[in-house]
Amino acid sequence: MAAQKIAITIDDKLLKQLDLMVKSKMYPNRSKAIQEAVADKLHRLGKIRLAQECAKLDPNFEQDMAEEGLSMERGEWPEY
């Protein structure tokens, strides 16, 4: 996997915590720890976005649509 080098500014307290994690061998280096933290955050944001979009759905409308689809004969279903 290709990687790019970037520069970041990080709070002293966070950097000390990060360095302790590296020192205790939880991560091989700062870069790997930060990379995993960013990946985890992006993954979580993706789940939040899905939940937000699902919350916009009207359960009654979705139920009516499902029941309408089930009431049709299979031969009447549109071709996909």
N, C-alpha and C. Protein backbone atom coordinates (compact mmCIF):
# COMPACT_ATOMS: atom_id res chain seq x y z
N MET A 1 0.84 -1.17 0.00
CA MET A 1 0.00 0.00 0.00
C MET A 1 0.89 1.23 0.00
N ALA A 2 0.61 2.17 -0.89
CA ALA A 2 1.38 3.41 -0.96
C ALA A 2 1.08 4.28 0.25
N ALA A 3 2.05 5.04 0.67
CA ALA A 3 1.88 5.92 1.83
C ALA A 3 2.47 7.28 1.50
N GLN A 4 1.93 8.29 2.13
CA GLN A 4 2.40 9.65 1.96
C GLN A 4 2.89 10.19 3.30
N LYS A 5 3.91 10.99 3.26
CA LYS A 5 4.42 11.63 4.47
C LYS A 5 3.71 12.96 4.65
N ILE A 6 3.23 13.21 5.88
CA ILE A 6 2.56 14.47 6.20
C ILE A 6 3.16 15.04 7.49
N ALA A 7 2.90 16.29 7.74
CA ALA A 7 3.32 16.91 9.00
C ALA A 7 2.05 17.28 9.76
N ILE A 8 2.04 17.04 11.06
CA ILE A 8 0.88 17.39 11.89
C ILE A 8 1.36 18.13 13.12
N THR A 9 0.46 18.85 13.72
CA THR A 9 0.71 19.48 15.01
C THR A 9 -0.18 18.75 16.01
N ILE A 10 0.41 18.38 17.15
CA ILE A 10 -0.34 17.60 18.13
C ILE A 10 -0.09 18.18 19.52
N ASP A 11 -1.10 18.16 20.33
CA ASP A 11 -1.04 18.66 21.71
C ASP A 11 0.02 17.89 22.50
N ASP A 12 0.74 18.61 23.37
CA ASP A 12 1.80 17.98 24.17
C ASP A 12 1.30 16.78 24.98
N LYS A 13 0.13 16.92 25.58
CA LYS A 13 -0.43 15.84 26.39
C LYS A 13 -0.70 14.60 25.54
N LEU A 14 -1.27 14.81 24.37
CA LEU A 14 -1.53 13.67 23.48
C LEU A 14 -0.24 13.02 23.02
N LEU A 15 0.76 13.85 22.73
CA LEU A 15 2.04 13.31 22.28
C LEU A 15 2.70 12.46 23.37
N LYS A 16 2.60 12.89 24.60
CA LYS A 16 3.16 12.11 25.71
C LYS A 16 2.45 10.76 25.83
N GLN A 17 1.11 10.78 25.69
CA GLN A 17 0.36 9.52 25.73
C GLN A 17 0.75 8.62 24.57
N LEU A 18 0.90 9.22 23.42
CA LEU A 18 1.30 8.46 22.22
C LEU A 18 2.67 7.84 22.41
N ASP A 19 3.60 8.63 22.92
CA ASP A 19 4.94 8.11 23.15
C ASP A 19 4.97 6.98 24.17
N LEU A 20 4.12 7.06 25.18
CA LEU A 20 4.04 5.97 26.16
C LEU A 20 3.54 4.68 25.50
N MET A 21 2.61 4.83 24.59
CA MET A 21 2.10 3.65 23.88
C MET A 21 3.18 3.03 23.01
N VAL A 22 3.97 3.87 22.37
CA VAL A 22 5.07 3.36 21.54
C VAL A 22 6.14 2.72 22.44
N LYS A 23 6.45 3.38 23.54
CA LYS A 23 7.46 2.86 24.46
C LYS A 23 7.04 1.51 25.04
N SER A 24 5.74 1.35 25.31
CA SER A 24 5.26 0.08 25.87
C SER A 24 5.03 -0.97 24.79
N LYS A 25 5.42 -0.67 23.57
CA LYS A 25 5.36 -1.60 22.42
C LYS A 25 3.95 -1.90 21.94
N MET A 26 2.99 -1.01 22.28
CA MET A 26 1.64 -1.18 21.73
C MET A 26 1.65 -0.89 20.24
N TYR A 27 2.54 0.00 19.82
CA TYR A 27 2.73 0.36 18.42
C TYR A 27 4.22 0.43 18.14
N PRO A 28 4.63 0.12 16.93
CA PRO A 28 6.06 0.15 16.63
C PRO A 28 6.62 1.57 16.55
N ASN A 29 5.76 2.54 16.23
CA ASN A 29 6.22 3.92 16.11
C ASN A 29 5.01 4.87 16.13
N ARG A 30 5.31 6.15 16.19
CA ARG A 30 4.24 7.16 16.22
C ARG A 30 3.38 7.10 14.97
N SER A 31 4.03 6.96 13.84
CA SER A 31 3.30 6.97 12.57
C SER A 31 2.24 5.88 12.52
N LYS A 32 2.61 4.68 12.93
CA LYS A 32 1.66 3.57 12.91
C LYS A 32 0.50 3.83 13.87
N ALA A 33 0.79 4.36 15.05
CA ALA A 33 -0.26 4.65 16.02
C ALA A 33 -1.23 5.69 15.48
N ILE A 34 -0.70 6.75 14.90
CA ILE A 34 -1.56 7.80 14.34
C ILE A 34 -2.35 7.28 13.15
N GLN A 35 -1.72 6.50 12.31
CA GLN A 35 -2.40 5.93 11.15
C GLN A 35 -3.59 5.07 11.58
N GLU A 36 -3.40 4.23 12.59
CA GLU A 36 -4.49 3.39 13.07
C GLU A 36 -5.59 4.22 13.72
N ALA A 37 -5.21 5.29 14.43
CA ALA A 37 -6.20 6.15 15.07
C ALA A 37 -7.06 6.85 14.01
N VAL A 38 -6.44 7.34 12.96
CA VAL A 38 -7.18 8.01 11.89
C VAL A 38 -8.09 7.02 11.18
N ALA A 39 -7.59 5.83 10.88
CA ALA A 39 -8.41 4.81 10.22
C ALA A 39 -9.62 4.44 11.07
N ASP A 40 -9.40 4.29 12.37
CA ASP A 40 -10.50 3.95 13.28
C ASP A 40 -11.55 5.06 13.30
N LYS A 41 -11.09 6.30 13.37
CA LYS A 41 -12.02 7.43 13.40
C LYS A 41 -12.83 7.52 12.11
N LEU A 42 -12.19 7.33 10.97
CA LEU A 42 -12.90 7.36 9.70
C LEU A 42 -13.92 6.24 9.60
N HIS A 43 -13.56 5.08 10.11
CA HIS A 43 -14.50 3.94 10.12
C HIS A 43 -15.72 4.26 10.98
N ARG A 44 -15.48 4.83 12.16
CA ARG A 44 -16.59 5.20 13.05
C ARG A 44 -17.48 6.27 12.43
N LEU A 45 -16.87 7.25 11.78
CA LEU A 45 -17.66 8.29 11.13
C LEU A 45 -18.53 7.71 10.01
N GLY A 46 -18.01 6.70 9.33
CA GLY A 46 -18.79 6.04 8.29
C GLY A 46 -20.02 5.37 8.86
N LYS A 47 -19.88 4.76 10.02
CA LYS A 47 -21.03 4.11 10.67
C LYS A 47 -22.04 5.15 11.14
N ILE A 48 -21.54 6.26 11.66
CA ILE A 48 -22.43 7.33 12.11
C ILE A 48 -23.24 7.86 10.93
N ARG A 49 -22.58 8.03 9.80
CA ARG A 49 -23.26 8.55 8.61
C ARG A 49 -24.38 7.61 8.19
N LEU A 50 -24.12 6.31 8.21
CA LEU A 50 -25.15 5.34 7.86
C LEU A 50 -26.32 5.42 8.83
N ALA A 51 -26.01 5.53 10.12
CA ALA A 51 -27.07 5.63 11.13
C ALA A 51 -27.89 6.91 10.94
N GLN A 52 -27.22 8.01 10.61
CA GLN A 52 -27.93 9.27 10.38
C GLN A 52 -28.86 9.16 9.17
N GLU A 53 -28.40 8.53 8.11
CA GLU A 53 -29.24 8.37 6.92
C GLU A 53 -30.41 7.44 7.20
N CYS A 54 -30.18 6.39 7.96
CA CYS A 54 -31.26 5.47 8.31
C CYS A 54 -32.30 6.15 9.19
N ALA A 55 -31.85 7.06 10.05
CA ALA A 55 -32.77 7.77 10.94
C ALA A 55 -33.73 8.67 10.16
N LYS A 56 -33.34 9.03 8.94
CA LYS A 56 -34.19 9.88 8.11
C LYS A 56 -35.37 9.11 7.50
N LEU A 57 -35.27 7.79 7.51
CA LEU A 57 -36.32 6.96 6.92
C LEU A 57 -37.58 6.99 7.78
N ASP A 58 -38.71 6.99 7.12
CA ASP A 58 -40.00 6.94 7.82
C ASP A 58 -40.39 5.48 7.96
N PRO A 59 -40.41 4.94 9.18
CA PRO A 59 -40.71 3.51 9.36
C PRO A 59 -42.06 3.11 8.79
N ASN A 60 -43.06 3.96 8.92
CA ASN A 60 -44.39 3.62 8.40
C ASN A 60 -44.37 3.54 6.87
N PHE A 61 -43.71 4.48 6.23
CA PHE A 61 -43.60 4.46 4.77
C PHE A 61 -42.86 3.22 4.31
N GLU A 62 -41.75 2.91 4.98
CA GLU A 62 -40.96 1.73 4.61
C GLU A 62 -41.77 0.45 4.79
N GLN A 63 -42.55 0.37 5.86
CA GLN A 63 -43.40 -0.80 6.10
C GLN A 63 -44.45 -0.92 5.01
N ASP A 64 -45.09 0.22 4.66
CA ASP A 64 -46.09 0.20 3.59
C ASP A 64 -45.48 -0.25 2.27
N MET A 65 -44.28 0.23 1.98
CA MET A 65 -43.61 -0.17 0.73
C MET A 65 -43.31 -1.67 0.74
N ALA A 66 -42.85 -2.18 1.88
CA ALA A 66 -42.54 -3.60 1.97
C ALA A 66 -43.79 -4.45 1.79
N GLU A 67 -44.87 -4.04 2.43
CA GLU A 67 -46.12 -4.79 2.31
C GLU A 67 -46.69 -4.71 0.90
N GLU A 68 -46.55 -3.58 0.26
CA GLU A 68 -47.01 -3.45 -1.12
C GLU A 68 -46.24 -4.38 -2.03
N GLY A 69 -44.93 -4.44 -1.81
CA GLY A 69 -44.10 -5.33 -2.63
C GLY A 69 -44.44 -6.78 -2.41
N LEU A 70 -44.76 -7.15 -1.18
CA LEU A 70 -45.10 -8.54 -0.88
C LEU A 70 -46.47 -8.93 -1.42
N SER A 71 -47.37 -7.93 -1.58
CA SER A 71 -48.71 -8.26 -2.05
C SER A 71 -48.74 -8.52 -3.55
N MET A 72 -47.72 -8.10 -4.26
CA MET A 72 -47.68 -8.32 -5.71
C MET A 72 -47.30 -9.77 -6.00
N GLU A 73 -47.80 -10.27 -7.09
CA GLU A 73 -47.39 -11.59 -7.53
C GLU A 73 -45.95 -11.50 -8.04
N ARG A 74 -45.22 -12.57 -7.92
CA ARG A 74 -43.81 -12.54 -8.33
C ARG A 74 -43.67 -12.17 -9.80
N GLY A 75 -44.56 -12.59 -10.62
CA GLY A 75 -44.50 -12.29 -12.04
C GLY A 75 -44.72 -10.81 -12.35
N GLU A 76 -45.30 -10.09 -11.41
CA GLU A 76 -45.55 -8.66 -11.60
C GLU A 76 -44.38 -7.81 -11.15
N TRP A 77 -43.38 -8.40 -10.49
CA TRP A 77 -42.27 -7.63 -9.99
C TRP A 77 -41.45 -7.07 -11.16
N PRO A 78 -40.97 -5.86 -11.04
CA PRO A 78 -40.18 -5.28 -12.13
C PRO A 78 -38.86 -6.03 -12.30
N GLU A 79 -38.37 -6.05 -13.52
CA GLU A 79 -37.10 -6.70 -13.84
C GLU A 79 -35.96 -5.78 -13.48
N TYR A 80 -34.96 -6.31 -12.78
CA TYR A 80 -33.80 -5.48 -12.40
C TYR A 80 -32.57 -5.98 -13.10
